[in-house]
Amino acid sequence: MLKKDFSFGTSIATVKVHLEIRQFLEFIMNHEVSNTALKTINTVMMWLFCLTVLMLIVPWQAVSTEFADRIESNKIFLYFALIIEISNFISQAVFSVNTLLRRKNSVKRIQEKVEKAVETLDFAERALLREYVLQRKSVLTLPVTEPTVRNLIDDGVLKIVNVVDDVTAKAQIIISKEARPYITYKAIGLTLGKMSEEQISQIMNSRPDYAREKAIQTNRVFIGSRSVNQLYKGNDPKDKPSNDVAA
């Protein structure tokens, strides 16, 4: 019964993830379409504005008396068109300023949310974020349905950059730009100095299985802090003495 409930819950989470990804893609497409339409309207309005101003300020009497009389008889319509065009530009300017202010407030709220999330990281979340340091990678392939991964994504600490597998809900995930200033060694439970054997053992044992590398690469050169390099000391077969040497 527990297995059925767990599989049912996992399937619901997977469906939610797929729906969110689809909604995100639809939002991007709609946003691009709206931007293109807005640019087209602004371009047309700019040309109409230039044409209207040109018809009002050019002395058409020197060019054509008949054309000048037509413009004079329809001047009220030209002024009316000019008012509409100027109103459009003013509304666009107000809209742009409003969008800029809302974006700044949104960025500020996200930064505050991310900072609070980093300050209250639990044991599993710290272990997951340490994988980016331990594996020397900026992108990890992680299951989005994993609760720890999902929480960090919802808090804005992690960000999905590419969906690898829709069936297993695995995606390439990075640490978001907003969270990078707050992800320090201290925040994820590492130190810049030398670590004790107990600390190393605790960190290595707490590594999440779903985030580990499938294949261990050999002959790698690690360049970084002493504490991170120390985590790998003793894990390389070359560092372990053979039985012949020990004998």
Protein backbone atom coordinates (compact mmCIF):
# COMPACT_ATOMS: atom_id res chain seq x y z
CA MET A 1 0.00 0.00 0.00
CA LEU A 2 2.84 2.38 0.84
CA LYS A 3 4.56 1.59 -2.46
CA LYS A 4 1.36 2.37 -4.36
CA ASP A 5 0.93 5.67 -2.51
CA PHE A 6 4.56 6.60 -3.11
CA SER A 7 4.38 5.78 -6.84
CA PHE A 8 1.10 7.68 -7.12
CA GLY A 9 2.63 10.72 -5.41
CA THR A 10 5.69 10.54 -7.64
CA SER A 11 3.54 10.38 -10.76
CA ILE A 12 1.56 13.43 -9.62
CA ALA A 13 4.80 15.33 -8.99
CA THR A 14 6.08 14.34 -12.43
CA VAL A 15 2.87 15.55 -14.09
CA LYS A 16 3.15 18.85 -12.22
CA VAL A 17 6.74 19.29 -13.36
CA HIS A 18 5.79 18.60 -16.99
CA LEU A 19 2.92 21.07 -16.79
CA GLU A 20 5.17 23.75 -15.28
CA ILE A 21 7.78 23.21 -17.99
CA ARG A 22 5.10 23.41 -20.70
CA GLN A 23 3.64 26.57 -19.16
CA PHE A 24 7.12 28.10 -18.99
CA LEU A 25 7.75 27.38 -22.69
CA GLU A 26 4.31 28.74 -23.65
CA PHE A 27 5.01 31.88 -21.61
CA ILE A 28 8.29 32.44 -23.46
CA MET A 29 6.62 31.96 -26.86
CA ASN A 30 3.73 34.28 -26.00
CA HIS A 31 6.16 36.85 -24.60
CA GLU A 32 8.20 36.79 -27.82
CA VAL A 33 5.05 37.14 -29.96
CA SER A 34 3.81 40.09 -27.87
CA ASN A 35 7.20 41.81 -28.09
CA THR A 36 7.25 41.40 -31.88
CA ALA A 37 3.71 42.79 -32.21
CA LEU A 38 4.59 45.73 -29.94
CA LYS A 39 7.70 46.56 -31.99
CA THR A 40 5.64 46.46 -35.20
CA ILE A 41 2.99 48.79 -33.76
CA ASN A 42 5.64 51.22 -32.49
CA THR A 43 7.35 51.24 -35.88
CA VAL A 44 4.07 51.98 -37.70
CA MET A 45 3.16 54.69 -35.20
CA MET A 46 6.59 56.31 -35.56
CA TRP A 47 6.24 56.48 -39.34
CA LEU A 48 2.69 57.90 -39.03
CA PHE A 49 3.96 60.49 -36.54
CA CYS A 50 6.75 61.59 -38.88
CA LEU A 51 4.32 61.74 -41.83
CA THR A 52 1.76 63.77 -39.85
CA VAL A 53 4.37 66.27 -38.63
CA LEU A 54 5.75 66.54 -42.14
CA MET A 55 2.32 67.33 -43.58
CA LEU A 56 1.72 70.00 -40.93
CA ILE A 57 5.02 71.89 -41.05
CA VAL A 58 6.00 71.76 -44.73
CA PRO A 59 4.89 74.85 -46.73
CA TRP A 60 2.88 72.98 -49.36
CA GLN A 61 1.77 76.23 -51.03
CA ALA A 62 5.13 76.40 -52.77
CA VAL A 63 4.73 72.84 -54.04
CA SER A 64 1.06 72.51 -54.94
CA THR A 65 -1.78 74.89 -54.17
CA GLU A 66 -4.44 72.20 -54.56
CA PHE A 67 -2.62 69.80 -52.21
CA ALA A 68 -2.08 72.64 -49.71
CA ASP A 69 -5.82 73.43 -49.73
CA ARG A 70 -6.66 69.78 -49.05
CA ILE A 71 -4.28 69.68 -46.10
CA GLU A 72 -5.75 72.95 -44.76
CA SER A 73 -9.30 71.60 -45.00
CA ASN A 74 -8.32 68.37 -43.21
CA LYS A 75 -5.98 69.94 -40.67
CA ILE A 76 -8.28 69.04 -37.77
CA PHE A 77 -7.94 65.36 -38.62
CA LEU A 78 -4.15 65.68 -38.82
CA TYR A 79 -4.05 67.29 -35.36
CA PHE A 80 -6.33 64.56 -34.06
CA ALA A 81 -3.99 61.89 -35.49
CA LEU A 82 -1.02 63.73 -33.98
CA ILE A 83 -2.65 63.67 -30.54
CA ILE A 84 -3.27 59.91 -30.83
CA GLU A 85 0.31 59.24 -31.89
CA ILE A 86 1.81 61.37 -29.10
CA SER A 87 -0.54 59.69 -26.58
CA ASN A 88 0.71 56.31 -27.76
CA PHE A 89 4.34 57.32 -27.18
CA ILE A 90 3.53 58.73 -23.74
CA SER A 91 1.66 55.55 -22.75
CA GLN A 92 4.56 53.42 -23.98
CA ALA A 93 6.99 55.51 -21.91
CA VAL A 94 4.82 55.21 -18.79
CA PHE A 95 4.44 51.47 -19.38
CA SER A 96 8.21 51.05 -19.78
CA VAL A 97 8.94 52.96 -16.55
CA ASN A 98 6.31 50.96 -14.71
CA THR A 99 7.74 47.68 -16.06
CA LEU A 100 11.26 48.73 -15.03
CA LEU A 101 10.14 49.59 -11.49
CA ARG A 102 8.19 46.34 -11.16
CA ARG A 103 11.21 44.38 -12.44
CA LYS A 104 13.48 46.04 -9.88
CA ASN A 105 11.04 45.24 -7.08
CA SER A 106 10.72 41.68 -8.35
CA VAL A 107 14.52 41.24 -8.42
CA LYS A 108 14.75 42.65 -4.90
CA ARG A 109 12.08 40.24 -3.63
CA ILE A 110 13.80 37.30 -5.31
CA GLN A 111 17.14 38.25 -3.77
CA GLU A 112 15.57 38.50 -0.32
CA LYS A 113 13.85 35.15 -0.82
CA VAL A 114 17.07 33.48 -2.00
CA GLU A 115 19.10 34.98 0.84
CA LYS A 116 16.59 33.70 3.39
CA ALA A 117 16.54 30.26 1.73
CA VAL A 118 20.36 29.99 1.85
CA GLU A 119 20.43 31.04 5.49
CA THR A 120 17.92 28.29 6.40
CA LEU A 121 19.36 25.41 4.34
CA ASP A 122 18.82 21.98 5.87
CA PHE A 123 21.28 19.07 5.89
CA ALA A 124 20.08 17.54 2.59
CA GLU A 125 20.08 20.87 0.76
CA ARG A 126 23.64 21.65 1.87
CA ALA A 127 24.73 18.19 0.72
CA LEU A 128 23.18 18.76 -2.72
CA LEU A 129 24.80 22.19 -3.16
CA ARG A 130 28.17 20.72 -2.13
CA GLU A 131 28.00 18.45 -5.20
CA TYR A 132 28.63 21.47 -7.43
CA VAL A 133 31.89 22.04 -5.55
CA LEU A 134 32.89 18.39 -5.18
CA GLN A 135 32.28 17.54 -8.84
CA ARG A 136 33.81 20.80 -10.10
CA LYS A 137 30.75 21.40 -12.29
CA SER A 138 28.45 24.34 -12.84
CA VAL A 139 25.68 22.12 -14.29
CA LEU A 140 24.34 18.91 -12.76
CA THR A 141 21.72 16.54 -14.14
CA LEU A 142 19.19 16.08 -11.34
CA PRO A 143 15.68 14.64 -10.95
CA VAL A 144 13.28 17.56 -10.61
CA THR A 145 10.79 15.45 -8.66
CA GLU A 146 13.30 14.94 -5.83
CA PRO A 147 11.95 16.96 -2.86
CA THR A 148 15.30 18.57 -2.05
CA VAL A 149 15.84 19.62 -5.67
CA ARG A 150 12.28 20.86 -5.95
CA ASN A 151 12.52 22.97 -2.80
CA LEU A 152 15.72 24.66 -3.97
CA ILE A 153 14.16 25.39 -7.37
CA ASP A 154 11.04 26.85 -5.78
CA ASP A 155 13.18 29.03 -3.50
CA GLY A 156 15.16 30.35 -6.49
CA VAL A 157 18.47 28.81 -5.40
CA LEU A 158 18.59 26.40 -8.35
CA LYS A 159 17.47 26.99 -11.93
CA ILE A 160 16.51 24.60 -14.74
CA VAL A 161 18.40 25.28 -17.97
CA ASN A 162 17.48 22.23 -20.03
CA VAL A 163 15.16 19.22 -19.71
CA VAL A 164 17.14 16.03 -20.39
CA ASP A 165 14.44 13.38 -20.02
CA ASP A 166 10.71 14.08 -19.83
CA VAL A 167 9.89 10.56 -18.63
CA THR A 168 12.20 10.57 -15.58
CA ALA A 169 11.85 14.35 -15.13
CA LYS A 170 15.60 14.85 -15.16
CA ALA A 171 16.99 18.23 -16.08
CA GLN A 172 20.25 20.12 -16.24
CA ILE A 173 20.25 22.46 -13.26
CA ILE A 174 22.57 25.28 -12.27
CA ILE A 175 22.89 27.55 -9.26
CA SER A 176 20.95 30.70 -10.09
CA LYS A 177 22.76 34.01 -10.51
CA GLU A 178 20.80 35.47 -7.60
CA ALA A 179 21.99 32.72 -5.26
CA ARG A 180 25.66 32.61 -6.24
CA PRO A 181 26.78 35.49 -3.99
CA TYR A 182 25.27 33.70 -0.97
CA ILE A 183 26.54 30.16 -1.73
CA THR A 184 29.78 30.32 0.23
CA TYR A 185 31.84 27.48 1.67
CA LYS A 186 30.45 28.29 5.10
CA ALA A 187 26.86 28.23 3.84
CA ILE A 188 27.20 24.69 2.45
CA GLY A 189 29.22 23.28 5.35
CA LEU A 190 32.77 23.47 3.98
CA THR A 191 35.82 25.28 5.29
CA LEU A 192 38.81 26.83 3.58
CA GLY A 193 41.24 25.26 6.03
CA LYS A 194 42.14 21.69 6.83
CA MET A 195 39.29 19.38 7.80
CA SER A 196 39.32 16.54 10.28
CA GLU A 197 38.80 12.92 9.27
CA GLU A 198 35.41 12.95 10.96
CA GLN A 199 34.27 15.98 8.96
CA ILE A 200 35.49 14.44 5.71
CA SER A 201 33.72 11.16 6.46
CA GLN A 202 30.50 12.98 7.33
CA ILE A 203 30.55 15.02 4.12
CA MET A 204 31.33 12.05 1.85
CA ASN A 205 28.66 9.87 3.50
CA SER A 206 26.02 12.59 3.14
CA ARG A 207 26.42 12.89 -0.63
CA PRO A 208 23.04 12.26 -2.36
CA ASP A 209 23.06 9.22 -4.65
CA TYR A 210 20.90 10.90 -7.30
CA ALA A 211 23.45 13.70 -7.74
CA ARG A 212 26.64 11.65 -7.86
CA GLU A 213 28.57 11.04 -11.04
CA LYS A 214 27.81 7.71 -12.68
CA ALA A 215 31.42 7.14 -13.71
CA ILE A 216 34.49 8.19 -11.73
CA GLN A 217 37.03 9.94 -13.87
CA THR A 218 40.66 9.06 -13.23
CA ASN A 219 43.83 11.11 -13.52
CA ARG A 220 42.02 14.32 -12.65
CA VAL A 221 43.92 17.31 -11.35
CA PHE A 222 42.04 19.18 -8.64
CA ILE A 223 42.77 22.83 -8.18
CA GLY A 224 40.98 24.61 -5.37
CA SER A 225 40.84 24.97 -1.66
CA ARG A 226 42.72 22.60 0.61
CA SER A 227 39.54 21.30 2.26
CA VAL A 228 37.93 20.24 -1.04
CA ASN A 229 41.10 18.58 -2.31
CA GLN A 230 41.37 16.83 1.03
CA LEU A 231 37.97 15.20 0.46
CA TYR A 232 39.44 13.28 -2.48
CA LYS A 233 42.66 12.34 -0.72
CA GLY A 234 42.62 8.64 -0.08
CA ASN A 235 39.80 7.97 -2.59
CA ASP A 236 42.23 7.67 -5.49
CA PRO A 237 43.70 4.16 -5.86
CA LYS A 238 47.10 5.72 -6.48
CA ASP A 239 47.04 7.23 -3.01
CA LYS A 240 46.43 3.85 -1.34
CA PRO A 241 49.47 1.64 -0.73
CA SER A 242 49.40 -1.78 -2.37
CA ASN A 243 49.62 -5.01 -0.43
CA ASP A 244 53.17 -5.60 -1.62
CA VAL A 245 54.32 -2.22 -0.35
CA ALA A 246 52.48 -2.64 2.91
CA ALA A 247 54.08 -6.07 3.39
